[in-house]
Amino acid sequence: MPTIALRFAKLLAGHFSNFAQSQRDPVNFAHINIYFCPLPWEVFQGPGFYSEQSYGHDPWRPYRQGVHRLISTEKVQIVENFGFDQPIRLAGAGFTPKLLKLIHLERLKQRCGCAMHFHETTPGCYRGMVEPGNKCLVPRDGRPTYLVSEVLLDHENWISRDQGFDPDTNTLQWGSEHGPLRFERVASFENEITAEWTHLNNYKGDDPEQIG
Protein backbone atom coordinates (compact mmCIF):
# COMPACT_ATOMS: atom_id res chain seq x y z
CA MET A 1 0.00 0.00 0.00
CA PRO A 2 1.38 3.45 -0.82
CA THR A 3 2.85 5.17 2.24
CA ILE A 4 0.48 8.13 2.08
CA ALA A 5 -2.57 5.84 1.92
CA LEU A 6 -1.31 3.75 4.82
CA ARG A 7 -0.79 6.89 6.89
CA PHE A 8 -4.26 8.18 6.06
CA ALA A 9 -5.93 4.84 6.82
CA LYS A 10 -4.32 4.74 10.26
CA LEU A 11 -5.41 8.31 10.91
CA LEU A 12 -9.01 7.58 9.92
CA ALA A 13 -9.31 4.47 12.10
CA GLY A 14 -10.57 5.50 15.49
CA HIS A 15 -13.25 6.52 17.95
CA PHE A 16 -14.00 10.25 18.21
CA SER A 17 -16.21 12.10 20.70
CA ASN A 18 -17.39 15.69 21.09
CA PHE A 19 -18.02 15.22 24.81
CA ALA A 20 -15.97 18.30 25.75
CA GLN A 21 -17.91 20.49 23.31
CA SER A 22 -21.24 19.16 24.57
CA GLN A 23 -20.23 19.94 28.14
CA ARG A 24 -19.20 23.48 27.26
CA ASP A 25 -22.41 24.21 25.34
CA PRO A 26 -25.06 21.55 26.11
CA VAL A 27 -27.91 23.69 24.77
CA ASN A 28 -26.54 23.72 21.22
CA PHE A 29 -24.46 20.53 21.01
CA ALA A 30 -25.48 17.01 21.95
CA HIS A 31 -22.84 14.46 22.90
CA ILE A 32 -22.03 12.37 19.80
CA ASN A 33 -19.65 9.49 19.15
CA ILE A 34 -18.11 8.68 15.75
CA TYR A 35 -16.50 5.31 15.01
CA PHE A 36 -14.41 4.44 11.96
CA CYS A 37 -13.60 0.73 12.23
CA PRO A 38 -11.37 -1.17 9.78
CA LEU A 39 -13.32 -3.89 7.99
CA PRO A 40 -12.17 -7.44 7.38
CA TRP A 41 -10.06 -7.31 4.22
CA GLU A 42 -12.37 -9.81 2.49
CA VAL A 43 -15.30 -7.37 2.24
CA PHE A 44 -13.69 -5.28 -0.53
CA GLN A 45 -10.59 -7.40 -1.14
CA GLY A 46 -8.85 -4.24 0.01
CA PRO A 47 -9.05 -1.46 2.61
CA GLY A 48 -12.48 -0.59 3.94
CA PHE A 49 -14.21 0.86 6.99
CA TYR A 50 -17.50 0.74 8.84
CA SER A 51 -18.65 4.07 10.28
CA GLU A 52 -21.23 4.82 12.91
CA GLN A 53 -22.50 7.97 14.58
CA SER A 54 -24.67 7.86 17.67
CA TYR A 55 -25.73 10.03 20.57
CA GLY A 56 -23.86 9.39 23.79
CA HIS A 57 -27.05 8.51 25.64
CA ASP A 58 -28.23 6.01 23.01
CA PRO A 59 -25.23 4.13 21.55
CA TRP A 60 -27.24 1.14 20.28
CA ARG A 61 -29.39 3.28 17.97
CA PRO A 62 -26.98 5.10 15.66
CA TYR A 63 -28.48 7.83 13.52
CA ARG A 64 -25.90 7.38 10.74
CA GLN A 65 -24.15 4.24 9.49
CA GLY A 66 -22.01 3.59 6.44
CA VAL A 67 -19.57 1.23 4.81
CA HIS A 68 -16.62 2.74 2.99
CA ARG A 69 -14.00 1.61 0.50
CA LEU A 70 -10.68 3.45 0.54
CA ILE A 71 -9.32 4.32 -2.89
CA SER A 72 -5.84 5.80 -2.88
CA THR A 73 -4.18 8.03 -5.45
CA GLU A 74 -1.06 10.13 -5.19
CA LYS A 75 -3.13 13.32 -4.85
CA VAL A 76 -6.31 12.34 -3.03
CA GLN A 77 -7.65 9.72 -0.64
CA ILE A 78 -11.17 8.77 -1.74
CA VAL A 79 -13.55 7.35 0.87
CA GLU A 80 -16.43 5.81 -1.07
CA ASN A 81 -19.81 5.54 0.63
CA PHE A 82 -22.12 2.49 0.66
CA GLY A 83 -25.46 1.80 2.26
CA PHE A 84 -26.79 -1.61 3.24
CA ASP A 85 -30.03 -3.36 4.04
CA GLN A 86 -31.13 -3.97 7.62
CA PRO A 87 -28.78 -1.45 9.24
CA ILE A 88 -30.26 -2.28 12.63
CA ARG A 89 -28.33 -5.58 12.51
CA LEU A 90 -25.08 -3.59 12.55
CA ALA A 91 -26.09 -1.11 15.23
CA GLY A 92 -23.34 -0.97 17.84
CA ALA A 93 -20.69 -2.46 15.56
CA GLY A 94 -18.50 0.55 16.26
CA PHE A 95 -17.76 -0.87 19.69
CA THR A 96 -18.76 -4.52 19.05
CA PRO A 97 -16.30 -5.67 16.34
CA LYS A 98 -17.81 -9.15 15.93
CA LEU A 99 -20.81 -7.53 14.21
CA LEU A 100 -18.55 -6.44 11.34
CA LYS A 101 -18.58 -10.06 10.14
CA LEU A 102 -22.19 -9.47 9.03
CA ILE A 103 -21.03 -7.10 6.26
CA HIS A 104 -20.91 -8.67 2.78
CA LEU A 105 -20.18 -6.93 -0.51
CA GLU A 106 -23.23 -8.31 -2.33
CA ARG A 107 -25.52 -6.59 0.18
CA LEU A 108 -23.97 -3.16 -0.21
CA LYS A 109 -25.31 -0.40 -2.45
CA GLN A 110 -23.05 2.47 -3.43
CA ARG A 111 -24.27 5.95 -2.53
CA CYS A 112 -23.45 7.64 -5.80
CA GLY A 113 -22.09 11.15 -5.58
CA CYS A 114 -21.39 10.80 -1.86
CA ALA A 115 -17.69 9.88 -1.75
CA MET A 116 -15.46 12.04 0.42
CA HIS A 117 -12.23 13.34 -1.11
CA PHE A 118 -9.42 13.99 1.37
CA HIS A 119 -6.33 16.07 0.61
CA GLU A 120 -3.35 16.40 2.92
CA THR A 121 -3.04 20.13 3.63
CA THR A 122 -0.08 19.90 6.01
CA PRO A 123 1.77 16.78 7.19
CA GLY A 124 -0.68 14.67 9.20
CA CYS A 125 -3.67 16.96 8.57
CA TYR A 126 -6.37 16.25 5.96
CA ARG A 127 -9.29 18.22 4.63
CA GLY A 128 -12.20 16.21 3.25
CA MET A 129 -15.14 17.33 1.14
CA VAL A 130 -17.98 15.59 -0.70
CA GLU A 131 -17.02 14.85 -4.29
CA PRO A 132 -17.88 17.65 -6.76
CA GLY A 133 -21.23 17.81 -8.49
CA ASN A 134 -23.81 18.30 -5.70
CA LYS A 135 -25.15 14.81 -6.39
CA CYS A 136 -25.18 13.44 -2.84
CA LEU A 137 -28.90 13.73 -2.16
CA VAL A 138 -30.32 13.55 1.35
CA PRO A 139 -34.10 13.64 1.89
CA ARG A 140 -35.30 16.15 4.46
CA ASP A 141 -38.96 16.86 5.27
CA GLY A 142 -40.04 14.92 2.20
CA ARG A 143 -37.84 16.86 -0.22
CA PRO A 144 -34.37 16.13 -1.61
CA THR A 145 -31.43 18.26 -0.54
CA TYR A 146 -27.83 17.98 -1.62
CA LEU A 147 -25.17 17.47 1.01
CA VAL A 148 -22.21 19.77 1.53
CA SER A 149 -19.87 18.18 4.03
CA GLU A 150 -16.44 19.26 5.23
CA VAL A 151 -14.10 17.42 7.58
CA LEU A 152 -10.75 18.38 9.09
CA LEU A 153 -8.85 15.37 10.42
CA ASP A 154 -5.55 15.02 12.25
CA HIS A 155 -4.05 12.82 14.96
CA GLU A 156 -6.11 14.40 17.72
CA ASN A 157 -9.22 15.91 16.15
CA TRP A 158 -12.17 15.40 13.84
CA ILE A 159 -13.94 18.66 13.02
CA SER A 160 -16.96 18.41 10.74
CA ARG A 161 -19.89 20.33 9.41
CA ASP A 162 -22.78 19.00 7.32
CA GLN A 163 -25.31 21.18 5.54
CA GLY A 164 -28.16 20.49 3.13
CA PHE A 165 -29.14 22.77 0.24
CA ASP A 166 -32.15 22.96 -2.06
CA PRO A 167 -31.16 21.60 -5.52
CA ASP A 168 -33.26 24.23 -7.33
CA THR A 169 -32.47 27.38 -5.37
CA ASN A 170 -29.16 26.42 -3.69
CA THR A 171 -30.53 27.83 -0.44
CA LEU A 172 -29.60 26.34 2.92
CA GLN A 173 -32.27 23.95 4.24
CA TRP A 174 -30.61 22.34 7.24
CA GLY A 175 -27.35 22.17 9.14
CA SER A 176 -25.77 23.37 12.35
CA GLU A 177 -26.46 27.01 13.12
CA HIS A 178 -23.84 27.08 15.85
CA GLY A 179 -20.67 26.10 14.02
CA PRO A 180 -18.93 22.80 13.35
CA LEU A 181 -18.92 19.72 15.55
CA ARG A 182 -15.56 19.34 17.30
CA PHE A 183 -14.56 15.79 18.14
CA GLU A 184 -11.48 14.58 19.97
CA ARG A 185 -9.89 11.19 19.39
CA VAL A 186 -10.81 8.83 22.21
CA ALA A 187 -9.10 5.75 20.79
CA SER A 188 -7.08 4.73 17.75
CA PHE A 189 -7.68 1.50 15.82
CA GLU A 190 -4.51 1.82 13.78
CA ASN A 191 -3.09 -1.42 15.20
CA GLU A 192 -5.78 -3.28 13.24
CA ILE A 193 -4.31 -1.98 9.98
CA THR A 194 -1.81 -4.74 9.38
CA ALA A 195 0.29 -5.66 6.36
CA GLU A 196 -2.40 -8.14 5.30
CA TRP A 197 -5.18 -5.56 5.63
CA THR A 198 -3.29 -3.04 3.53
CA HIS A 199 -2.76 -5.38 0.59
CA LEU A 200 -4.12 -3.07 -2.07
CA ASN A 201 -4.52 -4.19 -5.68
CA ASN A 202 -6.37 -1.16 -7.02
CA TYR A 203 -3.74 1.56 -6.65
CA LYS A 204 -3.22 3.12 -10.09
CA GLY A 205 -1.39 6.37 -9.49
CA ASP A 206 -3.26 9.64 -9.60
CA ASP A 207 -6.19 8.93 -11.93
CA PRO A 208 -9.36 7.85 -10.04
CA GLU A 209 -10.98 6.80 -13.31
CA GLN A 210 -8.43 4.00 -13.66
CA ILE A 211 -9.14 2.54 -10.24
CA GLY A 212 -11.29 -0.54 -9.93
C-alpha atoms as a PDB file:
ATOM      1  CA  MET A   1       0.000   0.000   0.000  1.00  0.00           C
ATOM      2  CA  PRO A   2       1.379   3.445  -0.819  1.00  0.00           C
ATOM      3  CA  THR A   3       2.853   5.168   2.237  1.00  0.00           C
ATOM      4  CA  ILE A   4       0.477   8.130   2.079  1.00  0.00           C
ATOM      5  CA  ALA A   5      -2.575   5.843   1.924  1.00  0.00           C
ATOM      6  CA  LEU A   6      -1.309   3.752   4.823  1.00  0.00           C
ATOM      7  CA  ARG A   7      -0.789   6.889   6.891  1.00  0.00           C
ATOM      8  CA  PHE A   8      -4.258   8.179   6.058  1.00  0.00           C
ATOM      9  CA  ALA A   9      -5.931   4.839   6.822  1.00  0.00           C
ATOM     10  CA  LYS A  10      -4.317   4.739  10.259  1.00  0.00           C
ATOM     11  CA  LEU A  11      -5.410   8.307  10.906  1.00  0.00           C
ATOM     12  CA  LEU A  12      -9.009   7.580   9.921  1.00  0.00           C
ATOM     13  CA  ALA A  13      -9.310   4.469  12.098  1.00  0.00           C
ATOM     14  CA  GLY A  14     -10.574   5.496  15.488  1.00  0.00           C
ATOM     15  CA  HIS A  15     -13.252   6.525  17.954  1.00  0.00           C
ATOM     16  CA  PHE A  16     -13.996  10.252  18.215  1.00  0.00           C
ATOM     17  CA  SER A  17     -16.207  12.103  20.699  1.00  0.00           C
ATOM     18  CA  ASN A  18     -17.386  15.694  21.086  1.00  0.00           C
ATOM     19  CA  PHE A  19     -18.018  15.216  24.815  1.00  0.00           C
ATOM     20  CA  ALA A  20     -15.971  18.296  25.754  1.00  0.00           C
ATOM     21  CA  GLN A  21     -17.913  20.486  23.308  1.00  0.00           C
ATOM     22  CA  SER A  22     -21.241  19.164  24.570  1.00  0.00           C
ATOM     23  CA  GLN A  23     -20.229  19.935  28.137  1.00  0.00           C
ATOM     24  CA  ARG A  24     -19.200  23.484  27.262  1.00  0.00           C
ATOM     25  CA  ASP A  25     -22.407  24.207  25.342  1.00  0.00           C
ATOM     26  CA  PRO A  26     -25.061  21.555  26.112  1.00  0.00           C
ATOM     27  CA  VAL A  27     -27.907  23.688  24.773  1.00  0.00           C
ATOM     28  CA  ASN A  28     -26.535  23.722  21.225  1.00  0.00           C
ATOM     29  CA  PHE A  29     -24.455  20.529  21.014  1.00  0.00           C
ATOM     30  CA  ALA A  30     -25.479  17.008  21.951  1.00  0.00           C
ATOM     31  CA  HIS A  31     -22.841  14.458  22.904  1.00  0.00           C
ATOM     32  CA  ILE A  32     -22.029  12.367  19.796  1.00  0.00           C
ATOM     33  CA  ASN A  33     -19.650   9.488  19.146  1.00  0.00           C
ATOM     34  CA  ILE A  34     -18.113   8.676  15.755  1.00  0.00           C
ATOM     35  CA  TYR A  35     -16.501   5.314  15.014  1.00  0.00           C
ATOM     36  CA  PHE A  36     -14.409   4.437  11.955  1.00  0.00           C
ATOM     37  CA  CYS A  37     -13.601   0.734  12.227  1.00  0.00           C
ATOM     38  CA  PRO A  38     -11.368  -1.172   9.777  1.00  0.00           C
ATOM     39  CA  LEU A  39     -13.323  -3.886   7.986  1.00  0.00           C
ATOM     40  CA  PRO A  40     -12.171  -7.436   7.376  1.00  0.00           C
ATOM     41  CA  TRP A  41     -10.061  -7.314   4.216  1.00  0.00           C
ATOM     42  CA  GLU A  42     -12.370  -9.813   2.490  1.00  0.00           C
ATOM     43  CA  VAL A  43     -15.296  -7.365   2.236  1.00  0.00           C
ATOM     44  CA  PHE A  44     -13.691  -5.283  -0.529  1.00  0.00           C
ATOM     45  CA  GLN A  45     -10.595  -7.401  -1.136  1.00  0.00           C
ATOM     46  CA  GLY A  46      -8.850  -4.242   0.014  1.00  0.00           C
ATOM     47  CA  PRO A  47      -9.051  -1.463   2.606  1.00  0.00           C
ATOM     48  CA  GLY A  48     -12.485  -0.594   3.941  1.00  0.00           C
ATOM     49  CA  PHE A  49     -14.214   0.861   6.994  1.00  0.00           C
ATOM     50  CA  TYR A  50     -17.502   0.739   8.845  1.00  0.00           C
ATOM     51  CA  SER A  51     -18.645   4.071  10.282  1.00  0.00           C
ATOM     52  CA  GLU A  52     -21.234   4.825  12.905  1.00  0.00           C
ATOM     53  CA  GLN A  53     -22.497   7.970  14.580  1.00  0.00           C
ATOM     54  CA  SER A  54     -24.665   7.864  17.666  1.00  0.00           C
ATOM     55  CA  TYR A  55     -25.729  10.027  20.568  1.00  0.00           C
ATOM     56  CA  GLY A  56     -23.862   9.395  23.791  1.00  0.00           C
ATOM     57  CA  HIS A  57     -27.053   8.510  25.642  1.00  0.00           C
ATOM     58  CA  ASP A  58     -28.233   6.010  23.009  1.00  0.00           C
ATOM     59  CA  PRO A  59     -25.231   4.126  21.547  1.00  0.00           C
ATOM     60  CA  TRP A  60     -27.241   1.143  20.276  1.00  0.00           C
ATOM     61  CA  ARG A  61     -29.387   3.279  17.968  1.00  0.00           C
ATOM     62  CA  PRO A  62     -26.976   5.099  15.657  1.00  0.00           C
ATOM     63  CA  TYR A  63     -28.480   7.832  13.520  1.00  0.00           C
ATOM     64  CA  ARG A  64     -25.904   7.376  10.742  1.00  0.00           C
ATOM     65  CA  GLN A  65     -24.150   4.243   9.487  1.00  0.00           C
ATOM     66  CA  GLY A  66     -22.009   3.591   6.440  1.00  0.00           C
ATOM     67  CA  VAL A  67     -19.575   1.229   4.805  1.00  0.00           C
ATOM     68  CA  HIS A  68     -16.622   2.739   2.987  1.00  0.00           C
ATOM     69  CA  ARG A  69     -14.000   1.609   0.498  1.00  0.00           C
ATOM     70  CA  LEU A  70     -10.685   3.453   0.539  1.00  0.00           C
ATOM     71  CA  ILE A  71      -9.320   4.316  -2.889  1.00  0.00           C
ATOM     72  CA  SER A  72      -5.839   5.797  -2.879  1.00  0.00           C
ATOM     73  CA  THR A  73      -4.178   8.026  -5.453  1.00  0.00           C
ATOM     74  CA  GLU A  74      -1.065  10.134  -5.189  1.00  0.00           C
ATOM     75  CA  LYS A  75      -3.128  13.324  -4.845  1.00  0.00           C
ATOM     76  CA  VAL A  76      -6.310  12.339  -3.034  1.00  0.00           C
ATOM     77  CA  GLN A  77      -7.650   9.717  -0.640  1.00  0.00           C
ATOM     78  CA  ILE A  78     -11.173   8.771  -1.737  1.00  0.00           C
ATOM     79  CA  VAL A  79     -13.550   7.353   0.865  1.00  0.00           C
ATOM     80  CA  GLU A  80     -16.433   5.812  -1.069  1.00  0.00           C
ATOM     81  CA  ASN A  81     -19.814   5.537   0.629  1.00  0.00           C
ATOM     82  CA  PHE A  82     -22.120   2.495   0.662  1.00  0.00           C
ATOM     83  CA  GLY A  83     -25.465   1.797   2.259  1.00  0.00           C
ATOM     84  CA  PHE A  84     -26.789  -1.611   3.243  1.00  0.00           C
ATOM     85  CA  ASP A  85     -30.031  -3.360   4.037  1.00  0.00           C
ATOM     86  CA  GLN A  86     -31.131  -3.973   7.623  1.00  0.00           C
ATOM     87  CA  PRO A  87     -28.779  -1.447   9.237  1.00  0.00           C
ATOM     88  CA  ILE A  88     -30.258  -2.278  12.634  1.00  0.00           C
ATOM     89  CA  ARG A  89     -28.330  -5.576  12.511  1.00  0.00           C
ATOM     90  CA  LEU A  90     -25.078  -3.589  12.550  1.00  0.00           C
ATOM     91  CA  ALA A  91     -26.085  -1.106  15.235  1.00  0.00           C
ATOM     92  CA  GLY A  92     -23.336  -0.967  17.836  1.00  0.00           C
ATOM     93  CA  ALA A  93     -20.688  -2.460  15.555  1.00  0.00           C
ATOM     94  CA  GLY A  94     -18.505   0.553  16.256  1.00  0.00           C
ATOM     95  CA  PHE A  95     -17.764  -0.872  19.689  1.00  0.00           C
ATOM     96  CA  THR A  96     -18.763  -4.515  19.048  1.00  0.00           C
ATOM     97  CA  PRO A  97     -16.301  -5.671  16.338  1.00  0.00           C
ATOM     98  CA  LYS A  98     -17.808  -9.150  15.931  1.00  0.00           C
ATOM     99  CA  LEU A  99     -20.811  -7.530  14.206  1.00  0.00           C
ATOM    100  CA  LEU A 100     -18.550  -6.442  11.340  1.00  0.00           C
ATOM    101  CA  LYS A 101     -18.579 -10.056  10.143  1.00  0.00           C
ATOM    102  CA  LEU A 102     -22.185  -9.473   9.032  1.00  0.00           C
ATOM    103  CA  ILE A 103     -21.034  -7.102   6.255  1.00  0.00           C
ATOM    104  CA  HIS A 104     -20.906  -8.673   2.777  1.00  0.00           C
ATOM    105  CA  LEU A 105     -20.183  -6.930  -0.508  1.00  0.00           C
ATOM    106  CA  GLU A 106     -23.226  -8.313  -2.327  1.00  0.00           C
ATOM    107  CA  ARG A 107     -25.519  -6.594   0.180  1.00  0.00           C
ATOM    108  CA  LEU A 108     -23.972  -3.159  -0.214  1.00  0.00           C
ATOM    109  CA  LYS A 109     -25.314  -0.397  -2.451  1.00  0.00           C
ATOM    110  CA  GLN A 110     -23.048   2.474  -3.433  1.00  0.00           C
ATOM    111  CA  ARG A 111     -24.270   5.950  -2.530  1.00  0.00           C
ATOM    112  CA  CYS A 112     -23.454   7.636  -5.802  1.00  0.00           C
ATOM    113  CA  GLY A 113     -22.092  11.148  -5.575  1.00  0.00           C
ATOM    114  CA  CYS A 114     -21.388  10.800  -1.860  1.00  0.00           C
ATOM    115  CA  ALA A 115     -17.694   9.880  -1.748  1.00  0.00           C
ATOM    116  CA  MET A 116     -15.462  12.045   0.415  1.00  0.00           C
ATOM    117  CA  HIS A 117     -12.228  13.340  -1.110  1.00  0.00           C
ATOM    118  CA  PHE A 118      -9.416  13.987   1.372  1.00  0.00           C
ATOM    119  CA  HIS A 119      -6.334  16.068   0.609  1.00  0.00           C
ATOM    120  CA  GLU A 120      -3.352  16.404   2.915  1.00  0.00           C
ATOM    121  CA  THR A 121      -3.038  20.135   3.627  1.00  0.00           C
ATOM    122  CA  THR A 122      -0.083  19.905   6.013  1.00  0.00           C
ATOM    123  CA  PRO A 123       1.767  16.783   7.186  1.00  0.00           C
ATOM    124  CA  GLY A 124      -0.680  14.665   9.197  1.00  0.00           C
ATOM    125  CA  CYS A 125      -3.670  16.960   8.572  1.00  0.00           C
ATOM    126  CA  TYR A 126      -6.373  16.247   5.960  1.00  0.00           C
ATOM    127  CA  ARG A 127      -9.295  18.223   4.630  1.00  0.00           C
ATOM    128  CA  GLY A 128     -12.197  16.206   3.254  1.00  0.00           C
ATOM    129  CA  MET A 129     -15.143  17.334   1.143  1.00  0.00           C
ATOM    130  CA  VAL A 130     -17.977  15.586  -0.703  1.00  0.00           C
ATOM    131  CA  GLU A 131     -17.021  14.853  -4.293  1.00  0.00           C
ATOM    132  CA  PRO A 132     -17.876  17.654  -6.760  1.00  0.00           C
ATOM    133  CA  GLY A 133     -21.235  17.806  -8.494  1.00  0.00           C
ATOM    134  CA  ASN A 134     -23.811  18.295  -5.700  1.00  0.00           C
ATOM    135  CA  LYS A 135     -25.153  14.809  -6.386  1.00  0.00           C
ATOM    136  CA  CYS A 136     -25.178  13.440  -2.841  1.00  0.00           C
ATOM    137  CA  LEU A 137     -28.903  13.726  -2.164  1.00  0.00           C
ATOM    138  CA  VAL A 138     -30.316  13.550   1.354  1.00  0.00           C
ATOM    139  CA  PRO A 139     -34.104  13.642   1.893  1.00  0.00           C
ATOM    140  CA  ARG A 140     -35.303  16.150   4.460  1.00  0.00           C
ATOM    141  CA  ASP A 141     -38.959  16.856   5.273  1.00  0.00           C
ATOM    142  CA  GLY A 142     -40.044  14.925   2.196  1.00  0.00           C
ATOM    143  CA  ARG A 143     -37.841  16.856  -0.225  1.00  0.00           C
ATOM    144  CA  PRO A 144     -34.372  16.135  -1.605  1.00  0.00           C
ATOM    145  CA  THR A 145     -31.432  18.259  -0.544  1.00  0.00           C
ATOM    146  CA  TYR A 146     -27.830  17.985  -1.624  1.00  0.00           C
ATOM    147  CA  LEU A 147     -25.170  17.472   1.011  1.00  0.00           C
ATOM    148  CA  VAL A 148     -22.212  19.767   1.528  1.00  0.00           C
ATOM    149  CA  SER A 149     -19.873  18.181   4.032  1.00  0.00           C
ATOM    150  CA  GLU A 150     -16.442  19.257   5.226  1.00  0.00           C
ATOM    151  CA  VAL A 151     -14.098  17.415   7.577  1.00  0.00           C
ATOM    152  CA  LEU A 152     -10.753  18.379   9.090  1.00  0.00           C
ATOM    153  CA  LEU A 153      -8.852  15.367  10.418  1.00  0.00           C
ATOM    154  CA  ASP A 154      -5.552  15.021  12.254  1.00  0.00           C
ATOM    155  CA  HIS A 155      -4.054  12.818  14.957  1.00  0.00           C
ATOM    156  CA  GLU A 156      -6.114  14.403  17.720  1.00  0.00           C
ATOM    157  CA  ASN A 157      -9.222  15.911  16.152  1.00  0.00           C
ATOM    158  CA  TRP A 158     -12.171  15.402  13.838  1.00  0.00           C
ATOM    159  CA  ILE A 159     -13.943  18.661  13.023  1.00  0.00           C
ATOM    160  CA  SER A 160     -16.960  18.407  10.744  1.00  0.00           C
ATOM    161  CA  ARG A 161     -19.894  20.334   9.408  1.00  0.00           C
ATOM    162  CA  ASP A 162     -22.780  19.000   7.324  1.00  0.00           C
ATOM    163  CA  GLN A 163     -25.312  21.184   5.541  1.00  0.00           C
ATOM    164  CA  GLY A 164     -28.156  20.494   3.128  1.00  0.00           C
ATOM    165  CA  PHE A 165     -29.137  22.772   0.239  1.00  0.00           C
ATOM    166  CA  ASP A 166     -32.146  22.962  -2.065  1.00  0.00           C
ATOM    167  CA  PRO A 167     -31.156  21.598  -5.522  1.00  0.00           C
ATOM    168  CA  ASP A 168     -33.256  24.232  -7.330  1.00  0.00           C
ATOM    169  CA  THR A 169     -32.470  27.380  -5.373  1.00  0.00           C
ATOM    170  CA  ASN A 170     -29.161  26.424  -3.689  1.00  0.00           C
ATOM    171  CA  THR A 171     -30.535  27.831  -0.445  1.00  0.00           C
ATOM    172  CA  LEU A 172     -29.597  26.341   2.924  1.00  0.00           C
ATOM    173  CA  GLN A 173     -32.271  23.953   4.241  1.00  0.00           C
ATOM    174  CA  TRP A 174     -30.607  22.345   7.235  1.00  0.00           C
ATOM    175  CA  GLY A 175     -27.352  22.169   9.143  1.00  0.00           C
ATOM    176  CA  SER A 176     -25.774  23.369  12.349  1.00  0.00           C
ATOM    177  CA  GLU A 177     -26.461  27.012  13.120  1.00  0.00           C
ATOM    178  CA  HIS A 178     -23.837  27.082  15.850  1.00  0.00           C
ATOM    179  CA  GLY A 179     -20.673  26.100  14.018  1.00  0.00           C
ATOM    180  CA  PRO A 180     -18.925  22.797  13.350  1.00  0.00           C
ATOM    181  CA  LEU A 181     -18.920  19.721  15.548  1.00  0.00           C
ATOM    182  CA  ARG A 182     -15.564  19.344  17.298  1.00  0.00           C
ATOM    183  CA  PHE A 183     -14.556  15.793  18.140  1.00  0.00           C
ATOM    184  CA  GLU A 184     -11.477  14.584  19.966  1.00  0.00           C
ATOM    185  CA  ARG A 185      -9.889  11.191  19.392  1.00  0.00           C
ATOM    186  CA  VAL A 186     -10.805   8.826  22.214  1.00  0.00           C
ATOM    187  CA  ALA A 187      -9.104   5.751  20.792  1.00  0.00           C
ATOM    188  CA  SER A 188      -7.080   4.733  17.750  1.00  0.00           C
ATOM    189  CA  PHE A 189      -7.684   1.504  15.820  1.00  0.00           C
ATOM    190  CA  GLU A 190      -4.506   1.825  13.778  1.00  0.00           C
ATOM    191  CA  ASN A 191      -3.087  -1.415  15.196  1.00  0.00           C
ATOM    192  CA  GLU A 192      -5.776  -3.277  13.244  1.00  0.00           C
ATOM    193  CA  ILE A 193      -4.315  -1.982   9.980  1.00  0.00           C
ATOM    194  CA  THR A 194      -1.806  -4.743   9.377  1.00  0.00           C
ATOM    195  CA  ALA A 195       0.294  -5.662   6.359  1.00  0.00           C
ATOM    196  CA  GLU A 196      -2.404  -8.137   5.296  1.00  0.00           C
ATOM    197  CA  TRP A 197      -5.177  -5.559   5.634  1.00  0.00           C
ATOM    198  CA  THR A 198      -3.289  -3.041   3.528  1.00  0.00           C
ATOM    199  CA  HIS A 199      -2.756  -5.381   0.589  1.00  0.00           C
ATOM    200  CA  LEU A 200      -4.120  -3.071  -2.072  1.00  0.00           C
ATOM    201  CA  ASN A 201      -4.523  -4.185  -5.680  1.00  0.00           C
ATOM    202  CA  ASN A 202      -6.366  -1.157  -7.020  1.00  0.00           C
ATOM    203  CA  TYR A 203      -3.739   1.560  -6.654  1.00  0.00           C
ATOM    204  CA  LYS A 204      -3.218   3.117 -10.088  1.00  0.00           C
ATOM    205  CA  GLY A 205      -1.388   6.372  -9.490  1.00  0.00           C
ATOM    206  CA  ASP A 206      -3.265   9.645  -9.597  1.00  0.00           C
ATOM    207  CA  ASP A 207      -6.188   8.928 -11.931  1.00  0.00           C
ATOM    208  CA  PRO A 208      -9.357   7.852 -10.039  1.00  0.00           C
ATOM    209  CA  GLU A 209     -10.985   6.800 -13.313  1.00  0.00           C
ATOM    210  CA  GLN A 210      -8.431   3.996 -13.662  1.00  0.00           C
ATOM    211  CA  ILE A 211      -9.135   2.538 -10.240  1.00  0.00           C
ATOM    212  CA  GLY A 212     -11.288  -0.543  -9.928  1.00  0.00           C
END
